């Protein structure tokens, strides 16, 4: 397995998709990296030479923020929002959706499992 930005990328995939295994690099970023390094995006990772892998590593290290540094940056941005007390920060603090989605029926991923209310039954006649 080739190692790029501290991540083992799979050998049996084309280079375009294999680079997306690095946190912070999606398909469009991967396409730009391969274009700059002059490598065909359909080539398999196992077919790349050491020189080509080194070119990819250099481009990623110099131009992209990936893995731990990116995660820390995102965490700091969320912490800053919570510290200044803006609306988005309050939503993060409460564990609710921050971008205006409805919460009356959906948002189970953010809110967690339903909290049942004891003794809430239909009134009998």
PDB file of N, CA and C in Angstrom:
ATOM      1  N   UNK A   1       0.821  -1.189   0.000  1.00  0.00           N
ATOM      2  CA  UNK A   1       0.000   0.000   0.000  1.00  0.00           C
ATOM      3  C   UNK A   1       0.863   1.251   0.000  1.00  0.00           C
ATOM      4  N   UNK A   2       0.469   2.208  -0.807  1.00  0.00           N
ATOM      5  CA  UNK A   2       1.174   3.482  -0.860  1.00  0.00           C
ATOM      6  C   UNK A   2       0.708   4.354   0.295  1.00  0.00           C
ATOM      7  N   UNK A   3       1.615   5.157   0.810  1.00  0.00           N
ATOM      8  CA  UNK A   3       1.283   6.016   1.949  1.00  0.00           C
ATOM      9  C   UNK A   3       1.359   7.480   1.517  1.00  0.00           C
ATOM     10  N   UNK A   4       0.241   8.182   1.624  1.00  0.00           N
ATOM     11  CA  UNK A   4       0.169   9.588   1.257  1.00  0.00           C
ATOM     12  C   UNK A   4      -0.490  10.344   2.415  1.00  0.00           C
ATOM     13  N   UNK A   5       0.161  11.386   2.896  1.00  0.00           N
ATOM     14  CA  UNK A   5      -0.345  12.236   3.989  1.00  0.00           C
ATOM     15  C   UNK A   5      -0.697  11.422   5.231  1.00  0.00           C
ATOM     16  N   UNK A   6       0.089  10.387   5.511  1.00  0.00           N
ATOM     17  CA  UNK A   6      -0.119   9.574   6.698  1.00  0.00           C
ATOM     18  C   UNK A   6      -1.238   8.557   6.579  1.00  0.00           C
ATOM     19  N   UNK A   7      -1.751   8.327   5.370  1.00  0.00           N
ATOM     20  CA  UNK A   7      -2.849   7.387   5.155  1.00  0.00           C
ATOM     21  C   UNK A   7      -2.428   6.355   4.119  1.00  0.00           C
ATOM     22  N   UNK A   8      -2.738   5.099   4.386  1.00  0.00           N
ATOM     23  CA  UNK A   8      -2.488   4.055   3.391  1.00  0.00           C
ATOM     24  C   UNK A   8      -3.597   4.102   2.355  1.00  0.00           C
ATOM     25  N   UNK A   9      -3.241   4.382   1.109  1.00  0.00           N
ATOM     26  CA  UNK A   9      -4.254   4.393   0.057  1.00  0.00           C
ATOM     27  C   UNK A   9      -4.230   3.036  -0.637  1.00  0.00           C
ATOM     28  N   UNK A  10      -5.395   2.506  -1.027  1.00  0.00           N
ATOM     29  CA  UNK A  10      -5.476   1.151  -1.579  1.00  0.00           C
ATOM     30  C   UNK A  10      -4.793   1.033  -2.943  1.00  0.00           C
ATOM     31  N   UNK A  11      -4.102  -0.083  -3.145  1.00  0.00           N
ATOM     32  CA  UNK A  11      -3.380  -0.324  -4.394  1.00  0.00           C
ATOM     33  C   UNK A  11      -4.294  -0.712  -5.541  1.00  0.00           C
ATOM     34  N   UNK A  12      -5.419  -1.353  -5.240  1.00  0.00           N
ATOM     35  CA  UNK A  12      -6.251  -1.927  -6.298  1.00  0.00           C
ATOM     36  C   UNK A  12      -7.309  -0.964  -6.828  1.00  0.00           C
ATOM     37  N   UNK A  13      -7.150   0.338  -6.583  1.00  0.00           N
ATOM     38  CA  UNK A  13      -8.093   1.332  -7.099  1.00  0.00           C
ATOM     39  C   UNK A  13      -7.364   2.313  -8.008  1.00  0.00           C
ATOM     40  N   UNK A  14      -8.138   2.999  -8.863  1.00  0.00           N
ATOM     41  CA  UNK A  14      -7.517   4.007  -9.706  1.00  0.00           C
ATOM     42  C   UNK A  14      -7.117   5.191  -8.817  1.00  0.00           C
ATOM     43  N   UNK A  15      -6.113   5.912  -9.242  1.00  0.00           N
ATOM     44  CA  UNK A  15      -5.500   6.956  -8.424  1.00  0.00           C
ATOM     45  C   UNK A  15      -6.496   8.053  -8.047  1.00  0.00           C
ATOM     46  N   UNK A  16      -7.405   8.373  -8.951  1.00  0.00           N
ATOM     47  CA  UNK A  16      -8.403   9.411  -8.691  1.00  0.00           C
ATOM     48  C   UNK A  16      -9.225   9.088  -7.443  1.00  0.00           C
ATOM     49  N   UNK A  17      -9.672   7.859  -7.330  1.00  0.00           N
ATOM     50  CA  UNK A  17     -10.512   7.445  -6.202  1.00  0.00           C
ATOM     51  C   UNK A  17      -9.655   7.162  -4.970  1.00  0.00           C
ATOM     52  N   UNK A  18      -8.478   6.607  -5.147  1.00  0.00           N
ATOM     53  CA  UNK A  18      -7.622   6.238  -4.018  1.00  0.00           C
ATOM     54  C   UNK A  18      -7.206   7.463  -3.205  1.00  0.00           C
ATOM     55  N   UNK A  19      -6.996   8.603  -3.861  1.00  0.00           N
ATOM     56  CA  UNK A  19      -6.591   9.811  -3.135  1.00  0.00           C
ATOM     57  C   UNK A  19      -7.703  10.348  -2.242  1.00  0.00           C
ATOM     58  N   UNK A  20      -8.954   9.984  -2.528  1.00  0.00           N
ATOM     59  CA  UNK A  20     -10.058  10.466  -1.704  1.00  0.00           C
ATOM     60  C   UNK A  20     -10.101   9.777  -0.342  1.00  0.00           C
ATOM     61  N   UNK A  21      -9.265   8.767  -0.115  1.00  0.00           N
ATOM     62  CA  UNK A  21      -9.184   8.122   1.193  1.00  0.00           C
ATOM     63  C   UNK A  21      -8.491   9.026   2.210  1.00  0.00           C
ATOM     64  N   UNK A  22      -7.831  10.084   1.720  1.00  0.00           N
ATOM     65  CA  UNK A  22      -7.194  11.059   2.611  1.00  0.00           C
ATOM     66  C   UNK A  22      -8.258  12.066   3.026  1.00  0.00           C
ATOM     67  N   UNK A  23      -8.390  12.314   4.339  1.00  0.00           N
ATOM     68  CA  UNK A  23      -9.385  13.248   4.847  1.00  0.00           C
ATOM     69  C   UNK A  23      -9.052  14.655   4.352  1.00  0.00           C
ATOM     70  N   UNK A  24     -10.014  15.296   3.702  1.00  0.00           N
ATOM     71  CA  UNK A  24      -9.806  16.639   3.186  1.00  0.00           C
ATOM     72  C   UNK A  24      -9.579  16.682   1.692  1.00  0.00           C
ATOM     73  N   UNK A  25      -9.511  15.508   1.041  1.00  0.00           N
ATOM     74  CA  UNK A  25      -9.341  15.462  -0.410  1.00  0.00           C
ATOM     75  C   UNK A  25     -10.524  14.711  -1.003  1.00  0.00           C
ATOM     76  N   UNK A  26     -11.281  15.409  -1.833  1.00  0.00           N
ATOM     77  CA  UNK A  26     -12.414  14.801  -2.517  1.00  0.00           C
ATOM     78  C   UNK A  26     -12.042  14.528  -3.966  1.00  0.00           C
ATOM     79  N   UNK A  27     -13.035  14.228  -4.770  1.00  0.00           N
ATOM     80  CA  UNK A  27     -12.786  13.878  -6.168  1.00  0.00           C
ATOM     81  C   UNK A  27     -12.243  15.072  -6.947  1.00  0.00           C
ATOM     82  N   UNK A  28     -12.806  16.269  -6.732  1.00  0.00           N
ATOM     83  CA  UNK A  28     -12.344  17.424  -7.505  1.00  0.00           C
ATOM     84  C   UNK A  28     -10.912  17.801  -7.119  1.00  0.00           C
ATOM     85  N   UNK A  29     -10.591  17.754  -5.824  1.00  0.00           N
ATOM     86  CA  UNK A  29      -9.216  18.043  -5.391  1.00  0.00           C
ATOM     87  C   UNK A  29      -8.261  16.994  -5.931  1.00  0.00           C
ATOM     88  N   UNK A  30      -8.696  15.744  -5.914  1.00  0.00           N
ATOM     89  CA  UNK A  30      -7.878  14.649  -6.430  1.00  0.00           C
ATOM     90  C   UNK A  30      -7.576  14.848  -7.915  1.00  0.00           C
ATOM     91  N   UNK A  31      -8.591  15.284  -8.650  1.00  0.00           N
ATOM     92  CA  UNK A  31      -8.425  15.527 -10.084  1.00  0.00           C
ATOM     93  C   UNK A  31      -7.387  16.638 -10.318  1.00  0.00           C
ATOM     94  N   UNK A  32      -7.451  17.720  -9.518  1.00  0.00           N
ATOM     95  CA  UNK A  32      -6.501  18.826  -9.662  1.00  0.00           C
ATOM     96  C   UNK A  32      -5.075  18.390  -9.314  1.00  0.00           C
ATOM     97  N   UNK A  33      -4.938  17.583  -8.255  1.00  0.00           N
ATOM     98  CA  UNK A  33      -3.615  17.101  -7.844  1.00  0.00           C
ATOM     99  C   UNK A  33      -2.988  16.267  -8.946  1.00  0.00           C
ATOM    100  N   UNK A  34      -3.770  15.353  -9.525  1.00  0.00           N
ATOM    101  CA  UNK A  34      -3.241  14.483 -10.581  1.00  0.00           C
ATOM    102  C   UNK A  34      -2.922  15.273 -11.842  1.00  0.00           C
ATOM    103  N   UNK A  35      -3.704  16.317 -12.126  1.00  0.00           N
ATOM    104  CA  UNK A  35      -3.440  17.164 -13.291  1.00  0.00           C
ATOM    105  C   UNK A  35      -2.120  17.917 -13.118  1.00  0.00           C
ATOM    106  N   UNK A  36      -1.896  18.461 -11.898  1.00  0.00           N
ATOM    107  CA  UNK A  36      -0.650  19.188 -11.633  1.00  0.00           C
ATOM    108  C   UNK A  36       0.570  18.279 -11.677  1.00  0.00           C
ATOM    109  N   UNK A  37       0.395  17.045 -11.193  1.00  0.00           N
ATOM    110  CA  UNK A  37       1.536  16.125 -11.163  1.00  0.00           C
ATOM    111  C   UNK A  37       1.758  15.429 -12.506  1.00  0.00           C
ATOM    112  N   UNK A  38       0.817  15.582 -13.426  1.00  0.00           N
ATOM    113  CA  UNK A  38       0.971  15.004 -14.756  1.00  0.00           C
ATOM    114  C   UNK A  38       0.754  13.505 -14.792  1.00  0.00           C
ATOM    115  N   UNK A  39      -0.123  13.003 -13.937  1.00  0.00           N
ATOM    116  CA  UNK A  39      -0.395  11.564 -13.866  1.00  0.00           C
ATOM    117  C   UNK A  39      -1.806  11.315 -14.368  1.00  0.00           C
ATOM    118  N   UNK A  40      -1.980  10.240 -15.147  1.00  0.00           N
ATOM    119  CA  UNK A  40      -3.296   9.871 -15.655  1.00  0.00           C
ATOM    120  C   UNK A  40      -4.170   9.422 -14.488  1.00  0.00           C
ATOM    121  N   UNK A  41      -5.389   9.954 -14.405  1.00  0.00           N
ATOM    122  CA  UNK A  41      -6.242   9.660 -13.263  1.00  0.00           C
ATOM    123  C   UNK A  41      -6.805   8.241 -13.277  1.00  0.00           C
ATOM    124  N   UNK A  42      -6.727   7.546 -14.404  1.00  0.00           N
ATOM    125  CA  UNK A  42      -7.256   6.185 -14.482  1.00  0.00           C
ATOM    126  C   UNK A  42      -6.213   5.117 -14.158  1.00  0.00           C
ATOM    127  N   UNK A  43      -4.971   5.531 -13.933  1.00  0.00           N
ATOM    128  CA  UNK A  43      -3.935   4.550 -13.589  1.00  0.00           C
ATOM    129  C   UNK A  43      -4.145   4.009 -12.192  1.00  0.00           C
ATOM    130  N   UNK A  44      -3.823   2.743 -12.015  1.00  0.00           N
ATOM    131  CA  UNK A  44      -3.944   2.122 -10.701  1.00  0.00           C
ATOM    132  C   UNK A  44      -2.791   2.587  -9.819  1.00  0.00           C
ATOM    133  N   UNK A  45      -3.019   2.592  -8.521  1.00  0.00           N
ATOM    134  CA  UNK A  45      -1.992   3.039  -7.580  1.00  0.00           C
ATOM    135  C   UNK A  45      -0.786   2.109  -7.622  1.00  0.00           C
ATOM    136  N   UNK A  46      -1.019   0.803  -7.795  1.00  0.00           N
ATOM    137  CA  UNK A  46       0.087  -0.156  -7.813  1.00  0.00           C
ATOM    138  C   UNK A  46       1.005   0.044  -9.019  1.00  0.00           C
ATOM    139  N   UNK A  47       0.515   0.726 -10.057  1.00  0.00           N
ATOM    140  CA  UNK A  47       1.322   0.979 -11.254  1.00  0.00           C
ATOM    141  C   UNK A  47       2.137   2.265 -11.164  1.00  0.00           C
ATOM    142  N   UNK A  48       1.942   3.065 -10.120  1.00  0.00           N
ATOM    143  CA  UNK A  48       2.668   4.326  -9.979  1.00  0.00           C
ATOM    144  C   UNK A  48       4.096   4.072  -9.516  1.00  0.00           C
ATOM    145  N   UNK A  49       5.018   4.863 -10.043  1.00  0.00           N
ATOM    146  CA  UNK A  49       6.415   4.749  -9.617  1.00  0.00           C
ATOM    147  C   UNK A  49       6.624   5.543  -8.328  1.00  0.00           C
ATOM    148  N   UNK A  50       7.767   5.348  -7.699  1.00  0.00           N
ATOM    149  CA  UNK A  50       8.091   6.062  -6.463  1.00  0.00           C
ATOM    150  C   UNK A  50       8.171   7.558  -6.730  1.00  0.00           C
ATOM    151  N   UNK A  51       8.701   7.949  -7.897  1.00  0.00           N
ATOM    152  CA  UNK A  51       8.811   9.359  -8.263  1.00  0.00           C
ATOM    153  C   UNK A  51       7.430  10.004  -8.386  1.00  0.00           C
ATOM    154  N   UNK A  52       6.480   9.292  -9.007  1.00  0.00           N
ATOM    155  CA  UNK A  52       5.133   9.832  -9.175  1.00  0.00           C
ATOM    156  C   UNK A  52       4.422   9.985  -7.828  1.00  0.00           C
ATOM    157  N   UNK A  53       4.588   8.994  -6.957  1.00  0.00           N
ATOM    158  CA  UNK A  53       3.998   9.101  -5.612  1.00  0.00           C
ATOM    159  C   UNK A  53       4.604  10.266  -4.845  1.00  0.00           C
ATOM    160  N   UNK A  54       5.898  10.484  -5.037  1.00  0.00           N
ATOM    161  CA  UNK A  54       6.571  11.592  -4.361  1.00  0.00           C
ATOM    162  C   UNK A  54       6.038  12.938  -4.856  1.00  0.00           C
ATOM    163  N   UNK A  55       5.769  13.051  -6.154  1.00  0.00           N
ATOM    164  CA  UNK A  55       5.195  14.284  -6.704  1.00  0.00           C
ATOM    165  C   UNK A  55       3.822  14.563  -6.096  1.00  0.00           C
ATOM    166  N   UNK A  56       2.993  13.500  -5.980  1.00  0.00           N
ATOM    167  CA  UNK A  56       1.665  13.639  -5.380  1.00  0.00           C
ATOM    168  C   UNK A  56       1.801  14.097  -3.929  1.00  0.00           C
ATOM    169  N   UNK A  57       2.707  13.467  -3.175  1.00  0.00           N
ATOM    170  CA  UNK A  57       2.923  13.828  -1.764  1.00  0.00           C
ATOM    171  C   UNK A  57       3.326  15.287  -1.620  1.00  0.00           C
ATOM    172  N   UNK A  58       4.253  15.749  -2.473  1.00  0.00           N
ATOM    173  CA  UNK A  58       4.721  17.134  -2.404  1.00  0.00           C
ATOM    174  C   UNK A  58       3.594  18.123  -2.655  1.00  0.00           C
ATOM    175  N   UNK A  59       2.746  17.848  -3.657  1.00  0.00           N
ATOM    176  CA  UNK A  59       1.635  18.743  -3.972  1.00  0.00           C
ATOM    177  C   UNK A  59       0.649  18.801  -2.813  1.00  0.00           C
ATOM    178  N   UNK A  60       0.321  17.645  -2.241  1.00  0.00           N
ATOM    179  CA  UNK A  60      -0.630  17.604  -1.127  1.00  0.00           C
ATOM    180  C   UNK A  60      -0.065  18.343   0.083  1.00  0.00           C
ATOM    181  N   UNK A  61       1.207  18.115   0.405  1.00  0.00           N
ATOM    182  CA  UNK A  61       1.816  18.758   1.573  1.00  0.00           C
ATOM    183  C   UNK A  61       1.891  20.275   1.425  1.00  0.00           C
ATOM    184  N   UNK A  62       2.152  20.745   0.195  1.00  0.00           N
ATOM    185  CA  UNK A  62       2.349  22.184   0.015  1.00  0.00           C
ATOM    186  C   UNK A  62       1.047  22.960  -0.163  1.00  0.00           C
ATOM    187  N   UNK A  63       0.016  22.357  -0.758  1.00  0.00           N
ATOM    188  CA  UNK A  63      -1.166  23.119  -1.136  1.00  0.00           C
ATOM    189  C   UNK A  63      -2.455  22.760  -0.410  1.00  0.00           C
ATOM    190  N   UNK A  64      -2.484  21.637   0.305  1.00  0.00           N
ATOM    191  CA  UNK A  64      -3.728  21.195   0.919  1.00  0.00           C
ATOM    192  C   UNK A  64      -3.545  20.963   2.412  1.00  0.00           C
ATOM    193  N   UNK A  65      -4.596  21.286   3.155  1.00  0.00           N
ATOM    194  CA  UNK A  65      -4.614  20.987   4.586  1.00  0.00           C
ATOM    195  C   UNK A  65      -5.398  19.687   4.735  1.00  0.00           C
ATOM    196  N   UNK A  66      -4.761  18.658   5.304  1.00  0.00           N
ATOM    197  CA  UNK A  66      -5.397  17.349   5.374  1.00  0.00           C
ATOM    198  C   UNK A  66      -5.283  16.750   6.765  1.00  0.00           C
ATOM    199  N   UNK A  67      -6.035  15.672   6.964  1.00  0.00           N
ATOM    200  CA  UNK A  67      -5.996  14.846   8.171  1.00  0.00           C
ATOM    201  C   UNK A  67      -6.050  15.635   9.472  1.00  0.00           C
ATOM    202  N   UNK A  68      -5.088  15.465  10.361  1.00  0.00           N
ATOM    203  CA  UNK A  68      -5.125  16.029  11.711  1.00  0.00           C
ATOM    204  C   UNK A  68      -5.211  17.540  11.754  1.00  0.00           C
ATOM    205  N   UNK A  69      -4.464  18.206  10.899  1.00  0.00           N
ATOM    206  CA  UNK A  69      -4.469  19.674  10.887  1.00  0.00           C
ATOM    207  C   UNK A  69      -5.842  20.201  10.478  1.00  0.00           C
ATOM    208  N   UNK A  70      -6.463  19.563   9.500  1.00  0.00           N
ATOM    209  CA  UNK A  70      -7.789  19.988   9.042  1.00  0.00           C
ATOM    210  C   UNK A  70      -8.841  19.724  10.110  1.00  0.00           C
ATOM    211  N   UNK A  71      -8.771  18.543  10.743  1.00  0.00           N
ATOM    212  CA  UNK A  71      -9.726  18.227  11.810  1.00  0.00           C
ATOM    213  C   UNK A  71      -9.608  19.231  12.958  1.00  0.00           C
ATOM    214  N   UNK A  72      -8.362  19.563  13.337  1.00  0.00           N
ATOM    215  CA  UNK A  72      -8.138  20.523  14.420  1.00  0.00           C
ATOM    216  C   UNK A  72      -8.677  21.901  14.041  1.00  0.00           C
ATOM    217  N   UNK A  73      -8.484  22.301  12.795  1.00  0.00           N
ATOM    218  CA  UNK A  73      -8.966  23.591  12.319  1.00  0.00           C
ATOM    219  C   UNK A  73     -10.497  23.656  12.379  1.00  0.00           C
ATOM    220  N   UNK A  74     -11.167  22.604  11.945  1.00  0.00           N
ATOM    221  CA  UNK A  74     -12.632  22.558  11.977  1.00  0.00           C
ATOM    222  C   UNK A  74     -13.126  22.608  13.420  1.00  0.00           C
ATOM    223  N   UNK A  75     -12.458  21.839  14.304  1.00  0.00           N
ATOM    224  CA  UNK A  75     -12.830  21.826  15.718  1.00  0.00           C
ATOM    225  C   UNK A  75     -12.680  23.213  16.341  1.00  0.00           C
ATOM    226  N   UNK A  76     -11.596  23.914  15.982  1.00  0.00           N
ATOM    227  CA  UNK A  76     -11.369  25.267  16.509  1.00  0.00           C
ATOM    228  C   UNK A  76     -12.418  26.252  15.992  1.00  0.00           C
ATOM    229  N   UNK A  77     -12.820  26.100  14.733  1.00  0.00           N
ATOM    230  CA  UNK A  77     -13.855  26.974  14.172  1.00  0.00           C
ATOM    231  C   UNK A  77     -15.188  26.792  14.910  1.00  0.00           C
ATOM    232  N   UNK A  78     -15.547  25.540  15.198  1.00  0.00           N
ATOM    233  CA  UNK A  78     -16.788  25.266  15.922  1.00  0.00           C
ATOM    234  C   UNK A  78     -16.694  25.801  17.345  1.00  0.00           C
ATOM    235  N   UNK A  79     -15.541  25.629  17.981  1.00  0.00           N
ATOM    236  CA  UNK A  79     -15.337  26.134  19.346  1.00  0.00           C
ATOM    237  C   UNK A  79     -15.449  27.658  19.375  1.00  0.00           C
ATOM    238  N   UNK A  80     -14.908  28.329  18.361  1.00  0.00           N
ATOM    239  CA  UNK A  80     -14.997  29.790  18.272  1.00  0.00           C
ATOM    240  C   UNK A  80     -16.449  30.231  18.166  1.00  0.00           C
ATOM    241  N   UNK A  81     -17.240  29.531  17.340  1.00  0.00           N
ATOM    242  CA  UNK A  81     -18.662  29.862  17.211  1.00  0.00           C
ATOM    243  C   UNK A  81     -19.386  29.699  18.547  1.00  0.00           C
ATOM    244  N   UNK A  82     -19.040  28.639  19.288  1.00  0.00           N
ATOM    245  CA  UNK A  82     -19.689  28.414  20.576  1.00  0.00           C
ATOM    246  C   UNK A  82     -19.264  29.471  21.591  1.00  0.00           C
ATOM    247  N   UNK A  83     -17.990  29.887  21.554  1.00  0.00           N
ATOM    248  CA  UNK A  83     -17.490  30.874  22.512  1.00  0.00           C
ATOM    249  C   UNK A  83     -18.110  32.259  22.307  1.00  0.00           C
ATOM    250  N   UNK A  84     -18.305  32.669  21.051  1.00  0.00           N
ATOM    251  CA  UNK A  84     -18.868  34.000  20.815  1.00  0.00           C
ATOM    252  C   UNK A  84     -20.382  34.009  21.001  1.00  0.00           C
ATOM    253  N   UNK A  85     -20.981  32.818  21.099  1.00  0.00           N
ATOM    254  CA  UNK A  85     -22.408  32.736  21.398  1.00  0.00           C
ATOM    255  C   UNK A  85     -23.319  33.076  20.246  1.00  0.00           C
ATOM    256  N   UNK A  86     -22.864  32.887  19.015  1.00  0.00           N
ATOM    257  CA  UNK A  86     -23.732  33.158  17.874  1.00  0.00           C
ATOM    258  C   UNK A  86     -24.753  32.019  17.730  1.00  0.00           C
ATOM    259  N   UNK A  87     -25.702  32.180  16.843  1.00  0.00           N
ATOM    260  CA  UNK A  87     -26.776  31.206  16.675  1.00  0.00           C
ATOM    261  C   UNK A  87     -26.222  29.830  16.341  1.00  0.00           C
ATOM    262  N   UNK A  88     -25.308  29.768  15.372  1.00  0.00           N
ATOM    263  CA  UNK A  88     -24.740  28.475  14.996  1.00  0.00           C
ATOM    264  C   UNK A  88     -23.990  27.826  16.153  1.00  0.00           C
ATOM    265  N   UNK A  89     -23.314  28.640  16.954  1.00  0.00           N
ATOM    266  CA  UNK A  89     -22.609  28.124  18.109  1.00  0.00           C
ATOM    267  C   UNK A  89     -23.554  27.542  19.140  1.00  0.00           C
ATOM    268  N   UNK A  90     -24.692  28.214  19.361  1.00  0.00           N
ATOM    269  CA  UNK A  90     -25.692  27.703  20.300  1.00  0.00           C
ATOM    270  C   UNK A  90     -26.267  26.382  19.814  1.00  0.00           C
ATOM    271  N   UNK A  91     -26.499  26.266  18.512  1.00  0.00           N
ATOM    272  CA  UNK A  91     -27.028  25.013  17.953  1.00  0.00           C
ATOM    273  C   UNK A  91     -26.024  23.883  18.129  1.00  0.00           C
ATOM    274  N   UNK A  92     -24.737  24.180  17.926  1.00  0.00           N
ATOM    275  CA  UNK A  92     -23.707  23.163  18.154  1.00  0.00           C
ATOM    276  C   UNK A  92     -23.686  22.749  19.616  1.00  0.00           C
ATOM    277  N   UNK A  93     -23.790  23.733  20.505  1.00  0.00           N
ATOM    278  CA  UNK A  93     -23.746  23.466  21.945  1.00  0.00           C
ATOM    279  C   UNK A  93     -24.894  22.565  22.375  1.00  0.00           C
ATOM    280  N   UNK A  94     -26.071  22.772  21.779  1.00  0.00           N
ATOM    281  CA  UNK A  94     -27.242  21.979  22.135  1.00  0.00           C
ATOM    282  C   UNK A  94     -27.351  20.674  21.371  1.00  0.00           C
ATOM    283  N   UNK A  95     -26.478  20.471  20.400  1.00  0.00           N
ATOM    284  CA  UNK A  95     -26.512  19.234  19.616  1.00  0.00           C
ATOM    285  C   UNK A  95     -27.663  19.180  18.632  1.00  0.00           C
ATOM    286  N   UNK A  96     -28.020  20.331  18.089  1.00  0.00           N
ATOM    287  CA  UNK A  96     -29.108  20.415  17.121  1.00  0.00           C
ATOM    288  C   UNK A  96     -28.556  20.817  15.757  1.00  0.00           C
ATOM    289  N   UNK A  97     -29.326  20.645  14.671  1.00  0.00           N
ATOM    290  CA  UNK A  97     -28.848  21.066  13.357  1.00  0.00           C
ATOM    291  C   UNK A  97     -28.554  22.565  13.332  1.00  0.00           C
ATOM    292  N   UNK A  98     -27.458  22.946  12.694  1.00  0.00           N
ATOM    293  CA  UNK A  98     -27.011  24.329  12.738  1.00  0.00           C
ATOM    294  C   UNK A  98     -27.397  25.136  11.504  1.00  0.00           C
ATOM    295  N   UNK A  99     -27.899  24.503  10.465  1.00  0.00           N
ATOM    296  CA  UNK A  99     -28.101  25.218   9.207  1.00  0.00           C
ATOM    297  C   UNK A  99     -29.556  25.391   8.798  1.00  0.00           C
ATOM    298  N   UNK A 100     -30.463  25.475   9.755  1.00  0.00           N
ATOM    299  CA  UNK A 100     -31.843  25.815   9.443  1.00  0.00           C
ATOM    300  C   UNK A 100     -32.744  24.655   9.086  1.00  0.00           C
ATOM    301  N   UNK A 101     -32.312  23.418   9.320  1.00  0.00           N
ATOM    302  CA  UNK A 101     -33.189  22.289   9.023  1.00  0.00           C
ATOM    303  C   UNK A 101     -34.292  22.190  10.072  1.00  0.00           C
ATOM    304  N   UNK A 102     -35.383  21.537   9.701  1.00  0.00           N
ATOM    305  CA  UNK A 102     -36.487  21.390  10.645  1.00  0.00           C
ATOM    306  C   UNK A 102     -36.139  20.332  11.690  1.00  0.00           C
ATOM    307  N   UNK A 103     -36.686  20.495  12.891  1.00  0.00           N
ATOM    308  CA  UNK A 103     -36.393  19.535  13.954  1.00  0.00           C
ATOM    309  C   UNK A 103     -37.652  18.916  14.534  1.00  0.00           C
ATOM    310  N   UNK A 104     -38.817  19.350  14.071  1.00  0.00           N
ATOM    311  CA  UNK A 104     -40.041  18.799  14.642  1.00  0.00           C
ATOM    312  C   UNK A 104     -40.186  17.319  14.313  1.00  0.00           C
ATOM    313  N   UNK A 105     -39.856  16.942  13.074  1.00  0.00           N
ATOM    314  CA  UNK A 105     -39.996  15.531  12.718  1.00  0.00           C
ATOM    315  C   UNK A 105     -38.666  14.849  12.444  1.00  0.00           C
ATOM    316  N   UNK A 106     -37.726  15.507  11.817  1.00  0.00           N
ATOM    317  CA  UNK A 106     -36.484  14.840  11.443  1.00  0.00           C
ATOM    318  C   UNK A 106     -35.364  15.176  12.423  1.00  0.00           C
ATOM    319  N   UNK A 107     -34.133  15.177  11.996  1.00  0.00           N
ATOM    320  CA  UNK A 107     -32.960  15.536  12.792  1.00  0.00           C
ATOM    321  C   UNK A 107     -32.614  14.485  13.834  1.00  0.00           C
ATOM    322  N   UNK A 108     -32.966  13.232  13.601  1.00  0.00           N
ATOM    323  CA  UNK A 108     -32.662  12.173  14.562  1.00  0.00           C
ATOM    324  C   UNK A 108     -31.164  11.914  14.678  1.00  0.00           C
ATOM    325  N   UNK A 109     -30.415  12.161  13.626  1.00  0.00           N
ATOM    326  CA  UNK A 109     -28.967  11.948  13.688  1.00  0.00           C
ATOM    327  C   UNK A 109     -28.336  12.901  14.689  1.00  0.00           C
ATOM    328  N   UNK A 110     -28.730  14.166  14.652  1.00  0.00           N
ATOM    329  CA  UNK A 110     -28.165  15.154  15.576  1.00  0.00           C
ATOM    330  C   UNK A 110     -28.760  15.034  16.976  1.00  0.00           C
ATOM    331  N   UNK A 111     -30.065  14.795  17.068  1.00  0.00           N
ATOM    332  CA  UNK A 111     -30.732  14.796  18.365  1.00  0.00           C
ATOM    333  C   UNK A 111     -30.546  13.488  19.125  1.00  0.00           C
ATOM    334  N   UNK A 112     -30.225  12.395  18.430  1.00  0.00           N
ATOM    335  CA  UNK A 112     -30.067  11.110  19.085  1.00  0.00           C
ATOM    336  C   UNK A 112     -31.387  10.360  19.137  1.00  0.00           C
ATOM    337  N   UNK A 113     -31.393   9.205  19.809  1.00  0.00           N
ATOM    338  CA  UNK A 113     -32.636   8.423  19.869  1.00  0.00           C
ATOM    339  C   UNK A 113     -33.739   9.160  20.615  1.00  0.00           C
ATOM    340  N   UNK A 114     -34.980   8.829  20.275  1.00  0.00           N
ATOM    341  CA  UNK A 114     -36.138   9.503  20.877  1.00  0.00           C
ATOM    342  C   UNK A 114     -36.170   9.301  22.385  1.00  0.00           C
ATOM    343  N   UNK A 115     -36.545  10.359  23.085  1.00  0.00           N
ATOM    344  CA  UNK A 115     -36.714  10.279  24.533  1.00  0.00           C
ATOM    345  C   UNK A 115     -38.206  10.136  24.798  1.00  0.00           C
ATOM    346  N   UNK A 116     -38.612   8.965  25.251  1.00  0.00           N
ATOM    347  CA  UNK A 116     -40.041   8.737  25.465  1.00  0.00           C
ATOM    348  C   UNK A 116     -40.496   9.436  26.744  1.00  0.00           C
ATOM    349  N   UNK A 117     -41.713   9.925  26.698  1.00  0.00           N
ATOM    350  CA  UNK A 117     -42.287  10.624  27.846  1.00  0.00           C
ATOM    351  C   UNK A 117     -43.168   9.621  28.592  1.00  0.00           C
ATOM    352  N   UNK A 118     -42.926   9.462  29.883  1.00  0.00           N
ATOM    353  CA  UNK A 118     -43.644   8.463  30.677  1.00  0.00           C
ATOM    354  C   UNK A 118     -45.113   8.827  30.810  1.00  0.00           C
ATOM    355  N   UNK A 119     -45.962   7.800  30.779  1.00  0.00           N
ATOM    356  CA  UNK A 119     -47.396   7.928  30.992  1.00  0.00           C
ATOM    357  C   UNK A 119     -48.095   8.813  29.988  1.00  0.00           C
ATOM    358  N   UNK A 120     -47.633   8.875  28.791  1.00  0.00           N
ATOM    359  CA  UNK A 120     -48.334   9.658  27.785  1.00  0.00           C
ATOM    360  C   UNK A 120     -49.133   8.692  26.912  1.00  0.00           C
ATOM    361  N   UNK A 121     -50.351   8.413  27.343  1.00  0.00           N
ATOM    362  CA  UNK A 121     -51.226   7.497  26.625  1.00  0.00           C
ATOM    363  C   UNK A 121     -52.448   8.253  26.140  1.00  0.00           C
ATOM    364  N   UNK A 122     -53.175   7.653  25.211  1.00  0.00           N
ATOM    365  CA  UNK A 122     -54.418   8.262  24.727  1.00  0.00           C
ATOM    366  C   UNK A 122     -55.436   8.273  25.847  1.00  0.00           C
ATOM    367  N   UNK A 123     -56.197   9.322  25.884  1.00  0.00           N
ATOM    368  CA  UNK A 123     -57.246   9.414  26.903  1.00  0.00           C
ATOM    369  C   UNK A 123     -58.367   8.429  26.575  1.00  0.00           C
ATOM    370  N   UNK A 124     -58.753   7.619  27.559  1.00  0.00           N
ATOM    371  CA  UNK A 124     -59.823   6.641  27.336  1.00  0.00           C
ATOM    372  C   UNK A 124     -61.167   7.232  27.760  1.00  0.00           C
ATOM    373  N   UNK A 125     -62.212   6.804  27.059  1.00  0.00           N
ATOM    374  CA  UNK A 125     -63.571   7.338  27.345  1.00  0.00           C
ATOM    375  C   UNK A 125     -64.325   6.429  28.240  1.00  0.00           C
TER     376      UNK A 125
END
